[in-house]
Amino acid sequence: MKHRCSICGSVFNFNYRPGHKLPPYFPFCSERCKLLDLNRWLNEEYKISVPLPSVGFITDDEKQEISELLLETGEVDAIIDEDGKVEHNNGRWNKKATKKNAKR
């Protein structure tokens, strides 16, 4: 399958089979183009144009549901609420824990 590099515009063969790894530089044609793209992000030449949703629009039940999912799937080790309380992946709230302790 043909693919066009978003950095240099060259067309290259994109060989991918389901269940296998993506080509090492995809979606770019080369390491050079991949690094140029990374450099643009690091120099803040690219910006996310859509503002992130405000947490104020999420209900407490939705916050709890998201927290439980993140902890269950192992995406995070702990959740810190607005009061600085930490919920570890065992699901218990630790009122004495602080943000500093949560990183341990």
N, C-alpha and C. Protein backbone atom coordinates (compact mmCIF):
# COMPACT_ATOMS: atom_id res chain seq x y z
N MET A 1 0.85 -1.16 0.00
CA MET A 1 0.00 0.00 0.00
C MET A 1 0.90 1.24 0.00
N LYS A 2 0.54 2.23 -0.75
CA LYS A 2 1.28 3.49 -0.84
C LYS A 2 0.80 4.45 0.24
N HIS A 3 1.75 5.20 0.78
CA HIS A 3 1.45 6.19 1.82
C HIS A 3 2.31 7.41 1.55
N ARG A 4 1.77 8.60 1.84
CA ARG A 4 2.53 9.84 1.63
C ARG A 4 3.02 10.35 2.98
N CYS A 5 4.31 10.64 3.08
CA CYS A 5 4.93 11.17 4.30
C CYS A 5 4.42 12.59 4.52
N SER A 6 3.96 12.88 5.73
CA SER A 6 3.41 14.20 6.03
C SER A 6 4.50 15.26 6.22
N ILE A 7 5.76 14.86 6.30
CA ILE A 7 6.85 15.82 6.47
C ILE A 7 7.45 16.22 5.12
N CYS A 8 7.93 15.23 4.36
CA CYS A 8 8.63 15.55 3.11
C CYS A 8 7.76 15.37 1.86
N GLY A 9 6.62 14.69 2.02
CA GLY A 9 5.70 14.50 0.90
C GLY A 9 6.04 13.33 0.00
N SER A 10 7.11 12.61 0.29
CA SER A 10 7.46 11.48 -0.58
C SER A 10 6.48 10.33 -0.37
N VAL A 11 6.28 9.56 -1.42
CA VAL A 11 5.40 8.40 -1.37
C VAL A 11 6.27 7.17 -1.10
N PHE A 12 5.82 6.35 -0.16
CA PHE A 12 6.57 5.14 0.18
C PHE A 12 5.62 3.98 0.37
N ASN A 13 6.17 2.78 0.27
CA ASN A 13 5.37 1.57 0.46
C ASN A 13 5.13 1.35 1.94
N PHE A 14 3.90 1.16 2.29
CA PHE A 14 3.50 0.89 3.67
C PHE A 14 3.08 -0.56 3.73
N ASN A 15 3.96 -1.39 4.25
CA ASN A 15 3.67 -2.83 4.33
C ASN A 15 3.33 -3.19 5.77
N TYR A 16 2.08 -3.53 5.98
CA TYR A 16 1.62 -3.89 7.31
C TYR A 16 0.67 -5.07 7.20
N ARG A 17 0.85 -6.00 8.14
CA ARG A 17 -0.07 -7.13 8.24
C ARG A 17 -0.67 -7.12 9.64
N PRO A 18 -1.97 -7.29 9.75
CA PRO A 18 -2.60 -7.31 11.08
C PRO A 18 -1.90 -8.32 11.99
N GLY A 19 -1.69 -7.92 13.23
CA GLY A 19 -1.03 -8.77 14.20
C GLY A 19 0.48 -8.57 14.25
N HIS A 20 1.02 -7.80 13.31
CA HIS A 20 2.46 -7.52 13.29
C HIS A 20 2.70 -6.08 13.69
N LYS A 21 3.96 -5.76 14.00
CA LYS A 21 4.31 -4.39 14.37
C LYS A 21 4.19 -3.45 13.17
N LEU A 22 3.91 -2.20 13.47
CA LEU A 22 3.92 -1.17 12.43
C LEU A 22 5.37 -0.96 11.98
N PRO A 23 5.58 -0.49 10.76
CA PRO A 23 6.94 -0.16 10.33
C PRO A 23 7.56 0.84 11.31
N PRO A 24 8.88 0.79 11.53
CA PRO A 24 9.50 1.58 12.59
C PRO A 24 9.32 3.09 12.48
N TYR A 25 9.15 3.63 11.29
CA TYR A 25 9.04 5.08 11.16
C TYR A 25 7.63 5.54 10.85
N PHE A 26 6.68 4.62 10.75
CA PHE A 26 5.32 4.97 10.38
C PHE A 26 4.77 6.01 11.35
N PRO A 27 4.09 7.04 10.90
CA PRO A 27 3.56 7.27 9.55
C PRO A 27 4.50 8.07 8.66
N PHE A 28 5.78 8.07 8.98
CA PHE A 28 6.77 8.81 8.19
C PHE A 28 7.58 7.84 7.35
N CYS A 29 8.29 8.38 6.37
CA CYS A 29 9.06 7.54 5.45
C CYS A 29 10.42 7.16 5.99
N SER A 30 10.94 7.92 6.95
CA SER A 30 12.30 7.67 7.43
C SER A 30 12.45 8.16 8.87
N GLU A 31 13.58 7.79 9.47
CA GLU A 31 13.88 8.26 10.81
C GLU A 31 14.04 9.78 10.81
N ARG A 32 14.62 10.32 9.76
CA ARG A 32 14.80 11.77 9.65
C ARG A 32 13.47 12.49 9.75
N CYS A 33 12.49 12.06 8.99
CA CYS A 33 11.18 12.72 9.01
C CYS A 33 10.49 12.53 10.36
N LYS A 34 10.65 11.36 10.96
CA LYS A 34 10.07 11.10 12.27
C LYS A 34 10.67 12.05 13.31
N LEU A 35 11.98 12.26 13.27
CA LEU A 35 12.64 13.16 14.21
C LEU A 35 12.31 14.62 13.94
N LEU A 36 12.13 14.98 12.67
CA LEU A 36 11.70 16.35 12.35
C LEU A 36 10.33 16.64 12.95
N ASP A 37 9.43 15.67 12.87
CA ASP A 37 8.09 15.83 13.44
C ASP A 37 8.18 15.97 14.96
N LEU A 38 8.98 15.12 15.60
CA LEU A 38 9.16 15.20 17.04
C LEU A 38 9.71 16.57 17.43
N ASN A 39 10.69 17.05 16.68
CA ASN A 39 11.28 18.36 16.94
C ASN A 39 10.23 19.47 16.86
N ARG A 40 9.32 19.37 15.92
CA ARG A 40 8.26 20.39 15.80
C ARG A 40 7.36 20.39 17.04
N TRP A 41 7.05 19.19 17.55
CA TRP A 41 6.25 19.10 18.77
C TRP A 41 7.01 19.71 19.93
N LEU A 42 8.29 19.35 20.07
CA LEU A 42 9.09 19.84 21.20
C LEU A 42 9.30 21.34 21.15
N ASN A 43 9.36 21.91 19.96
CA ASN A 43 9.51 23.37 19.82
C ASN A 43 8.17 24.09 19.80
N GLU A 44 7.10 23.35 20.10
CA GLU A 44 5.74 23.88 20.18
C GLU A 44 5.27 24.53 18.88
N GLU A 45 5.75 23.99 17.76
CA GLU A 45 5.26 24.45 16.46
C GLU A 45 3.88 23.86 16.18
N TYR A 46 3.60 22.71 16.78
CA TYR A 46 2.28 22.08 16.67
C TYR A 46 1.52 22.39 17.95
N LYS A 47 0.22 22.54 17.84
CA LYS A 47 -0.62 22.77 19.00
C LYS A 47 -1.92 21.99 18.83
N ILE A 48 -2.46 21.55 19.93
CA ILE A 48 -3.77 20.90 19.90
C ILE A 48 -4.80 22.01 19.84
N SER A 49 -5.60 22.00 18.78
CA SER A 49 -6.48 23.15 18.52
C SER A 49 -7.81 23.10 19.27
N VAL A 50 -8.14 21.96 19.85
CA VAL A 50 -9.40 21.83 20.55
C VAL A 50 -9.12 21.86 22.05
N PRO A 51 -9.76 22.73 22.80
CA PRO A 51 -9.51 22.76 24.24
C PRO A 51 -9.95 21.47 24.90
N LEU A 52 -9.21 21.07 25.92
CA LEU A 52 -9.58 19.87 26.67
C LEU A 52 -10.84 20.14 27.47
N PRO A 53 -11.67 19.12 27.68
CA PRO A 53 -12.91 19.34 28.43
C PRO A 53 -12.61 19.70 29.88
N SER A 54 -13.45 20.52 30.43
CA SER A 54 -13.30 20.92 31.83
C SER A 54 -13.75 19.78 32.73
N VAL A 55 -13.00 19.56 33.79
CA VAL A 55 -13.34 18.50 34.73
C VAL A 55 -14.66 18.84 35.43
N GLY A 56 -15.01 20.13 35.47
CA GLY A 56 -16.25 20.55 36.12
C GLY A 56 -17.49 20.00 35.46
N PHE A 57 -17.38 19.55 34.23
CA PHE A 57 -18.53 19.01 33.52
C PHE A 57 -18.73 17.53 33.79
N ILE A 58 -17.81 16.91 34.51
CA ILE A 58 -17.91 15.49 34.81
C ILE A 58 -18.53 15.34 36.20
N THR A 59 -19.53 14.49 36.31
CA THR A 59 -20.18 14.28 37.60
C THR A 59 -19.26 13.48 38.52
N ASP A 60 -19.56 13.52 39.81
CA ASP A 60 -18.78 12.75 40.78
C ASP A 60 -18.82 11.26 40.47
N ASP A 61 -19.99 10.77 40.05
CA ASP A 61 -20.11 9.35 39.70
C ASP A 61 -19.21 9.01 38.50
N GLU A 62 -19.17 9.92 37.51
CA GLU A 62 -18.32 9.69 36.34
C GLU A 62 -16.84 9.72 36.73
N LYS A 63 -16.47 10.64 37.62
CA LYS A 63 -15.09 10.70 38.10
C LYS A 63 -14.70 9.40 38.78
N GLN A 64 -15.60 8.89 39.63
CA GLN A 64 -15.33 7.64 40.35
C GLN A 64 -15.21 6.48 39.37
N GLU A 65 -16.08 6.45 38.38
CA GLU A 65 -16.05 5.38 37.38
C GLU A 65 -14.74 5.40 36.58
N ILE A 66 -14.32 6.59 36.18
CA ILE A 66 -13.06 6.74 35.43
C ILE A 66 -11.89 6.34 36.32
N SER A 67 -11.90 6.77 37.57
CA SER A 67 -10.83 6.43 38.51
C SER A 67 -10.71 4.92 38.67
N GLU A 68 -11.85 4.26 38.88
CA GLU A 68 -11.84 2.81 39.06
C GLU A 68 -11.30 2.11 37.82
N LEU A 69 -11.71 2.57 36.65
CA LEU A 69 -11.24 1.97 35.41
C LEU A 69 -9.73 2.13 35.25
N LEU A 70 -9.23 3.33 35.52
CA LEU A 70 -7.79 3.58 35.39
C LEU A 70 -6.99 2.73 36.36
N LEU A 71 -7.49 2.58 37.58
CA LEU A 71 -6.80 1.75 38.57
C LEU A 71 -6.86 0.27 38.21
N GLU A 72 -8.04 -0.20 37.78
CA GLU A 72 -8.22 -1.61 37.43
C GLU A 72 -7.36 -2.03 36.25
N THR A 73 -7.24 -1.16 35.27
CA THR A 73 -6.48 -1.51 34.07
C THR A 73 -4.99 -1.29 34.25
N GLY A 74 -4.59 -0.68 35.38
CA GLY A 74 -3.18 -0.46 35.64
C GLY A 74 -2.61 0.75 34.91
N GLU A 75 -3.50 1.58 34.35
CA GLU A 75 -3.03 2.79 33.65
C GLU A 75 -2.37 3.76 34.62
N VAL A 76 -2.84 3.76 35.87
CA VAL A 76 -2.26 4.60 36.91
C VAL A 76 -2.09 3.77 38.17
N ASP A 77 -1.17 4.19 39.04
CA ASP A 77 -0.96 3.49 40.30
C ASP A 77 -1.81 4.08 41.42
N ALA A 78 -2.17 5.35 41.27
CA ALA A 78 -2.94 6.02 42.31
C ALA A 78 -3.71 7.18 41.70
N ILE A 79 -4.82 7.53 42.35
CA ILE A 79 -5.63 8.68 41.96
C ILE A 79 -5.58 9.67 43.10
N ILE A 80 -5.30 10.93 42.79
CA ILE A 80 -5.27 11.98 43.81
C ILE A 80 -6.47 12.88 43.57
N ASP A 81 -7.32 13.02 44.60
CA ASP A 81 -8.50 13.88 44.43
C ASP A 81 -8.15 15.34 44.71
N GLU A 82 -9.15 16.22 44.61
CA GLU A 82 -8.93 17.65 44.78
C GLU A 82 -8.44 18.01 46.18
N ASP A 83 -8.75 17.16 47.18
CA ASP A 83 -8.35 17.43 48.56
C ASP A 83 -6.99 16.83 48.90
N GLY A 84 -6.34 16.21 47.91
CA GLY A 84 -5.03 15.61 48.15
C GLY A 84 -5.09 14.20 48.68
N LYS A 85 -6.31 13.62 48.79
CA LYS A 85 -6.42 12.23 49.24
C LYS A 85 -6.02 11.32 48.08
N VAL A 86 -5.42 10.20 48.41
CA VAL A 86 -4.91 9.27 47.41
C VAL A 86 -5.65 7.96 47.48
N GLU A 87 -6.11 7.49 46.32
CA GLU A 87 -6.70 6.17 46.24
C GLU A 87 -5.70 5.29 45.50
N HIS A 88 -5.21 4.26 46.17
CA HIS A 88 -4.26 3.35 45.54
C HIS A 88 -5.00 2.26 44.80
N ASN A 89 -4.28 1.44 44.06
CA ASN A 89 -4.94 0.44 43.23
C ASN A 89 -5.64 -0.65 44.03
N ASN A 90 -5.54 -0.63 45.37
CA ASN A 90 -6.33 -1.57 46.16
C ASN A 90 -7.74 -1.05 46.41
N GLY A 91 -8.01 0.19 45.93
CA GLY A 91 -9.36 0.74 46.00
C GLY A 91 -9.70 1.43 47.30
N ARG A 92 -8.76 1.57 48.23
CA ARG A 92 -9.04 2.21 49.51
C ARG A 92 -8.51 3.64 49.52
N TRP A 93 -9.26 4.52 50.14
CA TRP A 93 -8.82 5.91 50.27
C TRP A 93 -7.88 6.01 51.45
N ASN A 94 -6.79 6.74 51.26
CA ASN A 94 -5.82 6.97 52.31
C ASN A 94 -5.82 8.46 52.60
N LYS A 95 -6.50 8.88 53.66
CA LYS A 95 -6.66 10.30 53.95
C LYS A 95 -5.35 10.97 54.36
N LYS A 96 -4.39 10.20 54.87
CA LYS A 96 -3.12 10.78 55.31
C LYS A 96 -2.13 10.93 54.17
N ALA A 97 -2.38 10.27 53.06
CA ALA A 97 -1.45 10.31 51.94
C ALA A 97 -1.45 11.69 51.30
N THR A 98 -0.33 12.05 50.73
CA THR A 98 -0.23 13.33 50.04
C THR A 98 0.19 13.07 48.62
N LYS A 99 0.23 14.13 47.81
CA LYS A 99 0.67 14.00 46.43
C LYS A 99 2.09 13.46 46.38
N LYS A 100 2.94 13.88 47.33
CA LYS A 100 4.32 13.43 47.35
C LYS A 100 4.40 11.93 47.59
N ASN A 101 3.57 11.40 48.51
CA ASN A 101 3.56 9.97 48.80
C ASN A 101 3.03 9.15 47.65
N ALA A 102 2.15 9.72 46.84
CA ALA A 102 1.51 8.96 45.76
C ALA A 102 2.50 8.55 44.70
N LYS A 103 3.60 9.26 44.58
CA LYS A 103 4.58 8.94 43.54
C LYS A 103 5.45 7.75 43.91
N ARG A 104 5.41 7.32 45.16
CA ARG A 104 6.25 6.20 45.60
C ARG A 104 5.73 4.88 45.15
